[in-house]
């Protein structure tokens, strides 16, 4: 079992939760997607640690949630700035960053606003800014949340994220999704979702100089494969891999996802 620990960082009048794995001298920061608007990583270090066991001797990995108390209008840039503050409080001066979906947007903003902190970027199923497909999906999910329809929110997310093979199995669980994981209220979800709708750093991607790995799904029906291609085109020191037949949940479904990320971390690229 990989070494795992739960923790928090105080930020102003609130806290930011994290799960920490491993004991290596290098640092990896992992940023989850919009699901963090429904449930944070608080208390889940042992549950989340498994994929990071192969690097536990070389990396100390921190998986961060957004801070607990987020104000209305809290932006992706605000999230990145608070993350930078949290890292400095933990004594982290430089780190590789793996961002998934909305977490990838935060990672992009972190690399732009705090380049000295970011050694490498791994960007999974994410985009440099909101596009029509993202807007359609996120606004639909906001609508379900506003109606308190958690079952439809979960089903729609699954239907637009997973491959047909995975959906064939998942659909058997749909009757039970009405209450599983339903938050007491959706305020945190709304703030995260609306931050996505106002995000756009597509014109600044050329400022990112650290090595970047971009992983996407050819069948991504949430952000679109074109978003991954745009990241690759505009981040000069980047490489791209698109998973054939997989969509927005490629990071869950692809058996070699973490192998690709870990190989990238170990490559001697500047």
C-alpha atoms as a PDB file:
ATOM      1  CA  UNK A   1       0.000   0.000   0.000  1.00  0.00           C
ATOM      2  CA  UNK A   2       1.314   3.389  -0.980  1.00  0.00           C
ATOM      3  CA  UNK A   3       2.024   5.806   1.873  1.00  0.00           C
ATOM      4  CA  UNK A   4      -1.066   8.053   2.097  1.00  0.00           C
ATOM      5  CA  UNK A   5      -2.070  10.961   4.317  1.00  0.00           C
ATOM      6  CA  UNK A   6      -4.922  13.468   4.467  1.00  0.00           C
ATOM      7  CA  UNK A   7      -4.203  17.130   5.127  1.00  0.00           C
ATOM      8  CA  UNK A   8      -5.377  20.726   4.900  1.00  0.00           C
ATOM      9  CA  UNK A   9      -3.775  24.103   4.249  1.00  0.00           C
ATOM     10  CA  UNK A  10      -5.206  27.249   5.834  1.00  0.00           C
ATOM     11  CA  UNK A  11      -5.976  29.998   3.308  1.00  0.00           C
ATOM     12  CA  UNK A  12      -7.372  33.155   4.843  1.00  0.00           C
ATOM     13  CA  UNK A  13     -10.537  32.227   6.658  1.00  0.00           C
ATOM     14  CA  UNK A  14     -10.928  28.812   5.052  1.00  0.00           C
ATOM     15  CA  UNK A  15      -8.979  25.636   4.225  1.00  0.00           C
ATOM     16  CA  UNK A  16      -7.906  23.676   1.166  1.00  0.00           C
ATOM     17  CA  UNK A  17      -7.997  19.877   1.518  1.00  0.00           C
ATOM     18  CA  UNK A  18      -5.432  17.579  -0.030  1.00  0.00           C
ATOM     19  CA  UNK A  19      -4.497  13.909  -0.153  1.00  0.00           C
ATOM     20  CA  UNK A  20      -0.770  13.140  -0.094  1.00  0.00           C
ATOM     21  CA  UNK A  21       0.827   9.973  -1.467  1.00  0.00           C
ATOM     22  CA  UNK A  22       4.424   8.709  -1.430  1.00  0.00           C
ATOM     23  CA  UNK A  23       7.647  10.092  -0.008  1.00  0.00           C
ATOM     24  CA  UNK A  24       9.833  11.038  -2.979  1.00  0.00           C
ATOM     25  CA  UNK A  25      11.970  14.153  -3.222  1.00  0.00           C
ATOM     26  CA  UNK A  26      10.156  15.399  -6.334  1.00  0.00           C
ATOM     27  CA  UNK A  27       6.617  16.768  -6.199  1.00  0.00           C
ATOM     28  CA  UNK A  28       3.581  15.974  -8.345  1.00  0.00           C
ATOM     29  CA  UNK A  29       0.400  18.026  -7.975  1.00  0.00           C
ATOM     30  CA  UNK A  30      -2.862  16.445  -9.173  1.00  0.00           C
ATOM     31  CA  UNK A  31      -5.953  18.554  -9.858  1.00  0.00           C
ATOM     32  CA  UNK A  32      -9.329  16.823 -10.347  1.00  0.00           C
ATOM     33  CA  UNK A  33     -12.128  18.071 -12.555  1.00  0.00           C
ATOM     34  CA  UNK A  34     -15.628  19.409 -11.994  1.00  0.00           C
ATOM     35  CA  UNK A  35     -16.472  16.410  -9.795  1.00  0.00           C
ATOM     36  CA  UNK A  36     -14.629  18.331  -7.059  1.00  0.00           C
ATOM     37  CA  UNK A  37     -17.666  20.603  -7.025  1.00  0.00           C
ATOM     38  CA  UNK A  38     -19.714  17.683  -5.690  1.00  0.00           C
ATOM     39  CA  UNK A  39     -17.235  16.042  -3.319  1.00  0.00           C
ATOM     40  CA  UNK A  40     -13.723  17.006  -2.184  1.00  0.00           C
ATOM     41  CA  UNK A  41     -10.766  14.707  -1.497  1.00  0.00           C
ATOM     42  CA  UNK A  42     -11.170  15.205   2.261  1.00  0.00           C
ATOM     43  CA  UNK A  43     -10.450  11.950   4.114  1.00  0.00           C
ATOM     44  CA  UNK A  44      -9.969   9.923   0.911  1.00  0.00           C
ATOM     45  CA  UNK A  45      -6.172   9.566   0.707  1.00  0.00           C
ATOM     46  CA  UNK A  46      -6.176   5.760   1.047  1.00  0.00           C
ATOM     47  CA  UNK A  47      -8.980   5.437  -1.497  1.00  0.00           C
ATOM     48  CA  UNK A  48      -7.193   7.613  -4.078  1.00  0.00           C
ATOM     49  CA  UNK A  49      -3.592   6.475  -3.581  1.00  0.00           C
ATOM     50  CA  UNK A  50      -3.473   3.330  -5.729  1.00  0.00           C
ATOM     51  CA  UNK A  51      -2.483   4.724  -9.157  1.00  0.00           C
ATOM     52  CA  UNK A  52       0.484   6.600  -7.653  1.00  0.00           C
ATOM     53  CA  UNK A  53       2.206   3.598  -6.066  1.00  0.00           C
ATOM     54  CA  UNK A  54       4.686   3.182  -8.988  1.00  0.00           C
ATOM     55  CA  UNK A  55       6.191   6.617  -8.232  1.00  0.00           C
ATOM     56  CA  UNK A  56       5.937   6.676  -4.437  1.00  0.00           C
ATOM     57  CA  UNK A  57       9.712   6.467  -3.972  1.00  0.00           C
ATOM     58  CA  UNK A  58      10.526   9.298  -6.384  1.00  0.00           C
ATOM     59  CA  UNK A  59       7.521  11.614  -5.994  1.00  0.00           C
ATOM     60  CA  UNK A  60       5.466  13.039  -3.184  1.00  0.00           C
ATOM     61  CA  UNK A  61       2.065  13.507  -4.787  1.00  0.00           C
ATOM     62  CA  UNK A  62      -0.524  16.030  -3.599  1.00  0.00           C
ATOM     63  CA  UNK A  63      -4.082  15.801  -4.911  1.00  0.00           C
ATOM     64  CA  UNK A  64      -5.778  19.122  -4.142  1.00  0.00           C
ATOM     65  CA  UNK A  65      -9.417  20.087  -3.925  1.00  0.00           C
ATOM     66  CA  UNK A  66     -10.503  23.666  -4.412  1.00  0.00           C
ATOM     67  CA  UNK A  67     -10.704  25.563  -1.133  1.00  0.00           C
ATOM     68  CA  UNK A  68     -13.703  24.873   1.080  1.00  0.00           C
ATOM     69  CA  UNK A  69     -15.244  28.349   1.051  1.00  0.00           C
ATOM     70  CA  UNK A  70     -15.313  29.808  -2.447  1.00  0.00           C
ATOM     71  CA  UNK A  71     -16.858  33.218  -3.102  1.00  0.00           C
ATOM     72  CA  UNK A  72     -19.314  33.875  -5.905  1.00  0.00           C
ATOM     73  CA  UNK A  73     -17.453  34.744  -9.100  1.00  0.00           C
ATOM     74  CA  UNK A  74     -14.432  32.658  -8.062  1.00  0.00           C
ATOM     75  CA  UNK A  75     -12.475  32.136 -11.285  1.00  0.00           C
ATOM     76  CA  UNK A  76     -10.035  29.557 -12.640  1.00  0.00           C
ATOM     77  CA  UNK A  77      -7.268  32.135 -12.169  1.00  0.00           C
ATOM     78  CA  UNK A  78      -8.362  32.596  -8.536  1.00  0.00           C
ATOM     79  CA  UNK A  79      -8.167  28.822  -8.073  1.00  0.00           C
ATOM     80  CA  UNK A  80      -4.648  28.790  -9.512  1.00  0.00           C
ATOM     81  CA  UNK A  81      -3.513  31.668  -7.316  1.00  0.00           C
ATOM     82  CA  UNK A  82      -4.865  29.971  -4.190  1.00  0.00           C
ATOM     83  CA  UNK A  83      -3.196  26.726  -5.214  1.00  0.00           C
ATOM     84  CA  UNK A  84       0.115  28.564  -5.572  1.00  0.00           C
ATOM     85  CA  UNK A  85      -0.318  29.961  -2.056  1.00  0.00           C
ATOM     86  CA  UNK A  86      -1.081  26.489  -0.697  1.00  0.00           C
ATOM     87  CA  UNK A  87       1.985  24.979  -2.371  1.00  0.00           C
ATOM     88  CA  UNK A  88       4.264  27.658  -0.943  1.00  0.00           C
ATOM     89  CA  UNK A  89       2.813  27.103   2.527  1.00  0.00           C
ATOM     90  CA  UNK A  90       3.684  23.410   2.152  1.00  0.00           C
ATOM     91  CA  UNK A  91       7.236  24.330   1.142  1.00  0.00           C
ATOM     92  CA  UNK A  92       6.813  23.271  -2.491  1.00  0.00           C
ATOM     93  CA  UNK A  93       8.936  25.469  -4.737  1.00  0.00           C
ATOM     94  CA  UNK A  94       8.628  23.488  -7.974  1.00  0.00           C
ATOM     95  CA  UNK A  95       6.349  20.661  -9.097  1.00  0.00           C
ATOM     96  CA  UNK A  96       5.053  18.667 -11.999  1.00  0.00           C
ATOM     97  CA  UNK A  97       1.301  19.195 -12.404  1.00  0.00           C
ATOM     98  CA  UNK A  98      -1.336  16.753 -13.679  1.00  0.00           C
ATOM     99  CA  UNK A  99      -4.673  18.445 -14.357  1.00  0.00           C
ATOM    100  CA  UNK A 100      -7.808  16.614 -15.493  1.00  0.00           C
ATOM    101  CA  UNK A 101     -10.655  18.461 -17.253  1.00  0.00           C
ATOM    102  CA  UNK A 102     -11.339  21.589 -15.141  1.00  0.00           C
ATOM    103  CA  UNK A 103      -8.204  20.671 -13.188  1.00  0.00           C
ATOM    104  CA  UNK A 104      -6.299  21.011 -16.459  1.00  0.00           C
ATOM    105  CA  UNK A 105      -7.628  24.543 -16.839  1.00  0.00           C
ATOM    106  CA  UNK A 106      -6.341  25.369 -13.350  1.00  0.00           C
ATOM    107  CA  UNK A 107      -2.993  23.806 -14.279  1.00  0.00           C
ATOM    108  CA  UNK A 108      -2.782  25.992 -17.401  1.00  0.00           C
ATOM    109  CA  UNK A 109      -3.537  29.101 -15.351  1.00  0.00           C
ATOM    110  CA  UNK A 110      -0.968  28.073 -12.731  1.00  0.00           C
ATOM    111  CA  UNK A 111       1.706  27.696 -15.426  1.00  0.00           C
ATOM    112  CA  UNK A 112       0.851  31.121 -16.824  1.00  0.00           C
ATOM    113  CA  UNK A 113       0.576  33.028 -13.539  1.00  0.00           C
ATOM    114  CA  UNK A 114       3.279  31.177 -11.556  1.00  0.00           C
ATOM    115  CA  UNK A 115       5.693  29.683 -14.108  1.00  0.00           C
ATOM    116  CA  UNK A 116       8.492  29.227 -11.556  1.00  0.00           C
ATOM    117  CA  UNK A 117       6.309  26.718  -9.687  1.00  0.00           C
ATOM    118  CA  UNK A 118       5.609  24.467 -12.679  1.00  0.00           C
ATOM    119  CA  UNK A 119       8.297  22.085 -13.907  1.00  0.00           C
ATOM    120  CA  UNK A 120       6.116  19.980 -16.225  1.00  0.00           C
ATOM    121  CA  UNK A 121       2.463  19.932 -17.259  1.00  0.00           C
ATOM    122  CA  UNK A 122       0.323  16.867 -17.955  1.00  0.00           C
ATOM    123  CA  UNK A 123      -3.032  18.028 -19.309  1.00  0.00           C
ATOM    124  CA  UNK A 124      -5.778  15.416 -19.627  1.00  0.00           C
ATOM    125  CA  UNK A 125      -9.108  15.833 -21.448  1.00  0.00           C
ATOM    126  CA  UNK A 126      -9.028  19.589 -21.000  1.00  0.00           C
ATOM    127  CA  UNK A 127      -9.209  22.784 -23.043  1.00  0.00           C
ATOM    128  CA  UNK A 128      -7.552  26.216 -23.244  1.00  0.00           C
ATOM    129  CA  UNK A 129     -10.933  27.894 -22.915  1.00  0.00           C
ATOM    130  CA  UNK A 130     -14.664  27.379 -23.089  1.00  0.00           C
ATOM    131  CA  UNK A 131     -15.900  26.281 -26.522  1.00  0.00           C
ATOM    132  CA  UNK A 132     -19.471  25.632 -27.757  1.00  0.00           C
ATOM    133  CA  UNK A 133     -19.381  21.951 -26.779  1.00  0.00           C
ATOM    134  CA  UNK A 134     -18.134  22.697 -23.258  1.00  0.00           C
ATOM    135  CA  UNK A 135     -20.717  25.457 -22.858  1.00  0.00           C
ATOM    136  CA  UNK A 136     -23.544  23.145 -23.929  1.00  0.00           C
ATOM    137  CA  UNK A 137     -22.483  20.381 -21.545  1.00  0.00           C
ATOM    138  CA  UNK A 138     -21.796  22.581 -18.524  1.00  0.00           C
ATOM    139  CA  UNK A 139     -24.960  24.657 -18.922  1.00  0.00           C
ATOM    140  CA  UNK A 140     -26.973  21.417 -19.158  1.00  0.00           C
ATOM    141  CA  UNK A 141     -25.401  20.153 -15.935  1.00  0.00           C
ATOM    142  CA  UNK A 142     -26.041  23.465 -14.192  1.00  0.00           C
ATOM    143  CA  UNK A 143     -29.696  23.144 -15.233  1.00  0.00           C
ATOM    144  CA  UNK A 144     -30.014  19.685 -13.697  1.00  0.00           C
ATOM    145  CA  UNK A 145     -28.367  20.914 -10.489  1.00  0.00           C
ATOM    146  CA  UNK A 146     -30.661  23.956 -10.312  1.00  0.00           C
ATOM    147  CA  UNK A 147     -33.615  21.579 -10.538  1.00  0.00           C
ATOM    148  CA  UNK A 148     -32.122  19.323  -7.838  1.00  0.00           C
ATOM    149  CA  UNK A 149     -32.162  16.465 -10.369  1.00  0.00           C
ATOM    150  CA  UNK A 150     -29.027  14.630  -9.270  1.00  0.00           C
ATOM    151  CA  UNK A 151     -29.929  11.447 -11.123  1.00  0.00           C
ATOM    152  CA  UNK A 152     -30.124  13.221 -14.472  1.00  0.00           C
ATOM    153  CA  UNK A 153     -26.897  15.098 -13.711  1.00  0.00           C
ATOM    154  CA  UNK A 154     -25.036  11.835 -13.093  1.00  0.00           C
ATOM    155  CA  UNK A 155     -26.570  10.001 -16.051  1.00  0.00           C
ATOM    156  CA  UNK A 156     -25.921  12.831 -18.510  1.00  0.00           C
ATOM    157  CA  UNK A 157     -22.326  13.134 -17.301  1.00  0.00           C
ATOM    158  CA  UNK A 158     -21.785   9.402 -17.800  1.00  0.00           C
ATOM    159  CA  UNK A 159     -23.486   9.286 -21.207  1.00  0.00           C
ATOM    160  CA  UNK A 160     -21.206  12.013 -22.559  1.00  0.00           C
ATOM    161  CA  UNK A 161     -18.000  10.764 -20.911  1.00  0.00           C
ATOM    162  CA  UNK A 162     -17.668   6.984 -21.230  1.00  0.00           C
ATOM    163  CA  UNK A 163     -17.122   4.603 -24.120  1.00  0.00           C
ATOM    164  CA  UNK A 164     -20.015   2.439 -25.370  1.00  0.00           C
ATOM    165  CA  UNK A 165     -18.441  -0.638 -23.758  1.00  0.00           C
ATOM    166  CA  UNK A 166     -18.235   1.022 -20.327  1.00  0.00           C
ATOM    167  CA  UNK A 167     -21.722   2.511 -20.669  1.00  0.00           C
ATOM    168  CA  UNK A 168     -23.194  -0.928 -21.312  1.00  0.00           C
ATOM    169  CA  UNK A 169     -22.125  -1.874 -17.779  1.00  0.00           C
ATOM    170  CA  UNK A 170     -22.799   1.485 -16.148  1.00  0.00           C
ATOM    171  CA  UNK A 171     -26.392   1.736 -17.344  1.00  0.00           C
ATOM    172  CA  UNK A 172     -27.318  -1.109 -15.003  1.00  0.00           C
ATOM    173  CA  UNK A 173     -26.552   1.234 -12.087  1.00  0.00           C
ATOM    174  CA  UNK A 174     -28.668   4.162 -13.312  1.00  0.00           C
ATOM    175  CA  UNK A 175     -31.750   3.277 -11.231  1.00  0.00           C
ATOM    176  CA  UNK A 176     -29.686   3.768  -8.069  1.00  0.00           C
ATOM    177  CA  UNK A 177     -28.081   7.118  -8.932  1.00  0.00           C
ATOM    178  CA  UNK A 178     -30.711   9.478  -7.509  1.00  0.00           C
ATOM    179  CA  UNK A 179     -29.177   9.835  -4.058  1.00  0.00           C
ATOM    180  CA  UNK A 180     -25.650   8.407  -4.308  1.00  0.00           C
ATOM    181  CA  UNK A 181     -23.169  11.260  -3.985  1.00  0.00           C
ATOM    182  CA  UNK A 182     -25.847  13.939  -3.872  1.00  0.00           C
ATOM    183  CA  UNK A 183     -24.497  16.990  -2.006  1.00  0.00           C
ATOM    184  CA  UNK A 184     -26.458  18.902   0.623  1.00  0.00           C
ATOM    185  CA  UNK A 185     -26.541  21.804  -1.817  1.00  0.00           C
ATOM    186  CA  UNK A 186     -24.985  22.607  -5.186  1.00  0.00           C
ATOM    187  CA  UNK A 187     -23.333  25.946  -4.386  1.00  0.00           C
ATOM    188  CA  UNK A 188     -19.816  24.509  -4.698  1.00  0.00           C
ATOM    189  CA  UNK A 189     -20.747  22.833  -7.972  1.00  0.00           C
ATOM    190  CA  UNK A 190     -22.232  26.045  -9.399  1.00  0.00           C
ATOM    191  CA  UNK A 191     -19.117  28.077  -8.585  1.00  0.00           C
ATOM    192  CA  UNK A 192     -16.827  25.496 -10.206  1.00  0.00           C
ATOM    193  CA  UNK A 193     -19.055  25.120 -13.258  1.00  0.00           C
ATOM    194  CA  UNK A 194     -19.449  28.855 -13.835  1.00  0.00           C
ATOM    195  CA  UNK A 195     -15.691  29.300 -13.542  1.00  0.00           C
ATOM    196  CA  UNK A 196     -15.331  26.983 -16.541  1.00  0.00           C
ATOM    197  CA  UNK A 197     -17.792  29.089 -18.544  1.00  0.00           C
ATOM    198  CA  UNK A 198     -15.655  32.217 -18.084  1.00  0.00           C
ATOM    199  CA  UNK A 199     -12.259  30.598 -18.728  1.00  0.00           C
ATOM    200  CA  UNK A 200     -10.210  31.390 -21.842  1.00  0.00           C
ATOM    201  CA  UNK A 201      -6.412  31.400 -22.039  1.00  0.00           C
ATOM    202  CA  UNK A 202      -6.145  30.283 -25.656  1.00  0.00           C
ATOM    203  CA  UNK A 203      -4.311  33.469 -26.660  1.00  0.00           C
ATOM    204  CA  UNK A 204      -1.646  33.021 -23.956  1.00  0.00           C
ATOM    205  CA  UNK A 205      -0.651  29.374 -24.460  1.00  0.00           C
ATOM    206  CA  UNK A 206       2.543  30.358 -26.274  1.00  0.00           C
ATOM    207  CA  UNK A 207       3.780  31.793 -22.954  1.00  0.00           C
ATOM    208  CA  UNK A 208       3.997  28.290 -21.481  1.00  0.00           C
ATOM    209  CA  UNK A 209       7.579  27.105 -21.863  1.00  0.00           C
ATOM    210  CA  UNK A 210       7.757  24.010 -19.634  1.00  0.00           C
ATOM    211  CA  UNK A 211       7.395  20.544 -21.217  1.00  0.00           C
ATOM    212  CA  UNK A 212       3.762  19.491 -21.599  1.00  0.00           C
ATOM    213  CA  UNK A 213       2.025  16.185 -22.260  1.00  0.00           C
ATOM    214  CA  UNK A 214      -1.509  16.443 -23.631  1.00  0.00           C
ATOM    215  CA  UNK A 215      -3.749  13.391 -23.377  1.00  0.00           C
ATOM    216  CA  UNK A 216      -7.250  13.364 -24.827  1.00  0.00           C
ATOM    217  CA  UNK A 217      -9.944  11.142 -26.241  1.00  0.00           C
ATOM    218  CA  UNK A 218     -10.752  11.065 -29.946  1.00  0.00           C
ATOM    219  CA  UNK A 219     -14.425  10.671 -29.014  1.00  0.00           C
ATOM    220  CA  UNK A 220     -14.486  13.306 -26.246  1.00  0.00           C
ATOM    221  CA  UNK A 221     -18.043  14.661 -26.115  1.00  0.00           C
ATOM    222  CA  UNK A 222     -17.429  17.112 -23.260  1.00  0.00           C
ATOM    223  CA  UNK A 223     -14.465  19.261 -24.322  1.00  0.00           C
ATOM    224  CA  UNK A 224     -13.830  17.778 -27.784  1.00  0.00           C
ATOM    225  CA  UNK A 225     -10.666  16.314 -29.284  1.00  0.00           C
ATOM    226  CA  UNK A 226     -10.051  19.609 -31.093  1.00  0.00           C
ATOM    227  CA  UNK A 227      -9.310  21.201 -27.720  1.00  0.00           C
ATOM    228  CA  UNK A 228      -6.423  18.783 -27.157  1.00  0.00           C
ATOM    229  CA  UNK A 229      -5.090  19.494 -30.636  1.00  0.00           C
ATOM    230  CA  UNK A 230      -5.249  23.238 -29.994  1.00  0.00           C
ATOM    231  CA  UNK A 231      -3.244  22.846 -26.787  1.00  0.00           C
ATOM    232  CA  UNK A 232      -0.623  20.874 -28.688  1.00  0.00           C
ATOM    233  CA  UNK A 233      -0.450  23.426 -31.488  1.00  0.00           C
ATOM    234  CA  UNK A 234      -0.070  26.440 -29.189  1.00  0.00           C
ATOM    235  CA  UNK A 235       2.120  25.062 -26.374  1.00  0.00           C
ATOM    236  CA  UNK A 236       5.445  24.923 -28.145  1.00  0.00           C
ATOM    237  CA  UNK A 237       7.169  22.289 -26.002  1.00  0.00           C
ATOM    238  CA  UNK A 238       4.319  19.775 -26.007  1.00  0.00           C
ATOM    239  CA  UNK A 239       3.422  16.302 -27.186  1.00  0.00           C
ATOM    240  CA  UNK A 240      -0.056  14.928 -27.880  1.00  0.00           C
ATOM    241  CA  UNK A 241      -1.699  11.525 -27.632  1.00  0.00           C
ATOM    242  CA  UNK A 242      -5.393  10.966 -28.398  1.00  0.00           C
ATOM    243  CA  UNK A 243      -6.977   7.669 -27.339  1.00  0.00           C
ATOM    244  CA  UNK A 244      -8.955   6.119 -30.233  1.00  0.00           C
ATOM    245  CA  UNK A 245     -12.519   5.247 -29.258  1.00  0.00           C
ATOM    246  CA  UNK A 246     -12.348   6.862 -25.832  1.00  0.00           C
ATOM    247  CA  UNK A 247     -14.023  10.024 -24.644  1.00  0.00           C
ATOM    248  CA  UNK A 248     -13.831  12.401 -21.699  1.00  0.00           C
ATOM    249  CA  UNK A 249     -13.265   9.553 -19.239  1.00  0.00           C
ATOM    250  CA  UNK A 250     -10.131   8.373 -21.074  1.00  0.00           C
ATOM    251  CA  UNK A 251      -8.124   8.977 -17.895  1.00  0.00           C
ATOM    252  CA  UNK A 252     -10.289   6.342 -16.182  1.00  0.00           C
ATOM    253  CA  UNK A 253     -10.695   3.878 -19.029  1.00  0.00           C
ATOM    254  CA  UNK A 254      -7.246   3.803 -20.665  1.00  0.00           C
ATOM    255  CA  UNK A 255      -5.116   1.153 -18.954  1.00  0.00           C
ATOM    256  CA  UNK A 256      -1.899   2.958 -19.877  1.00  0.00           C
ATOM    257  CA  UNK A 257      -2.974   6.468 -18.838  1.00  0.00           C
ATOM    258  CA  UNK A 258      -0.813   6.650 -15.723  1.00  0.00           C
ATOM    259  CA  UNK A 259       2.046   4.806 -17.444  1.00  0.00           C
ATOM    260  CA  UNK A 260       2.142   7.564 -20.067  1.00  0.00           C
ATOM    261  CA  UNK A 261       2.064  10.289 -17.424  1.00  0.00           C
ATOM    262  CA  UNK A 262       4.791   8.661 -15.332  1.00  0.00           C
ATOM    263  CA  UNK A 263       7.051   8.095 -18.350  1.00  0.00           C
ATOM    264  CA  UNK A 264       6.652  11.772 -19.197  1.00  0.00           C
ATOM    265  CA  UNK A 265       7.580  12.764 -15.655  1.00  0.00           C
ATOM    266  CA  UNK A 266      10.727  10.663 -15.809  1.00  0.00           C
ATOM    267  CA  UNK A 267      11.879  11.944 -19.204  1.00  0.00           C
ATOM    268  CA  UNK A 268      14.769  14.390 -19.076  1.00  0.00           C
ATOM    269  CA  UNK A 269      13.073  17.207 -20.966  1.00  0.00           C
ATOM    270  CA  UNK A 270      13.697  20.919 -20.510  1.00  0.00           C
END
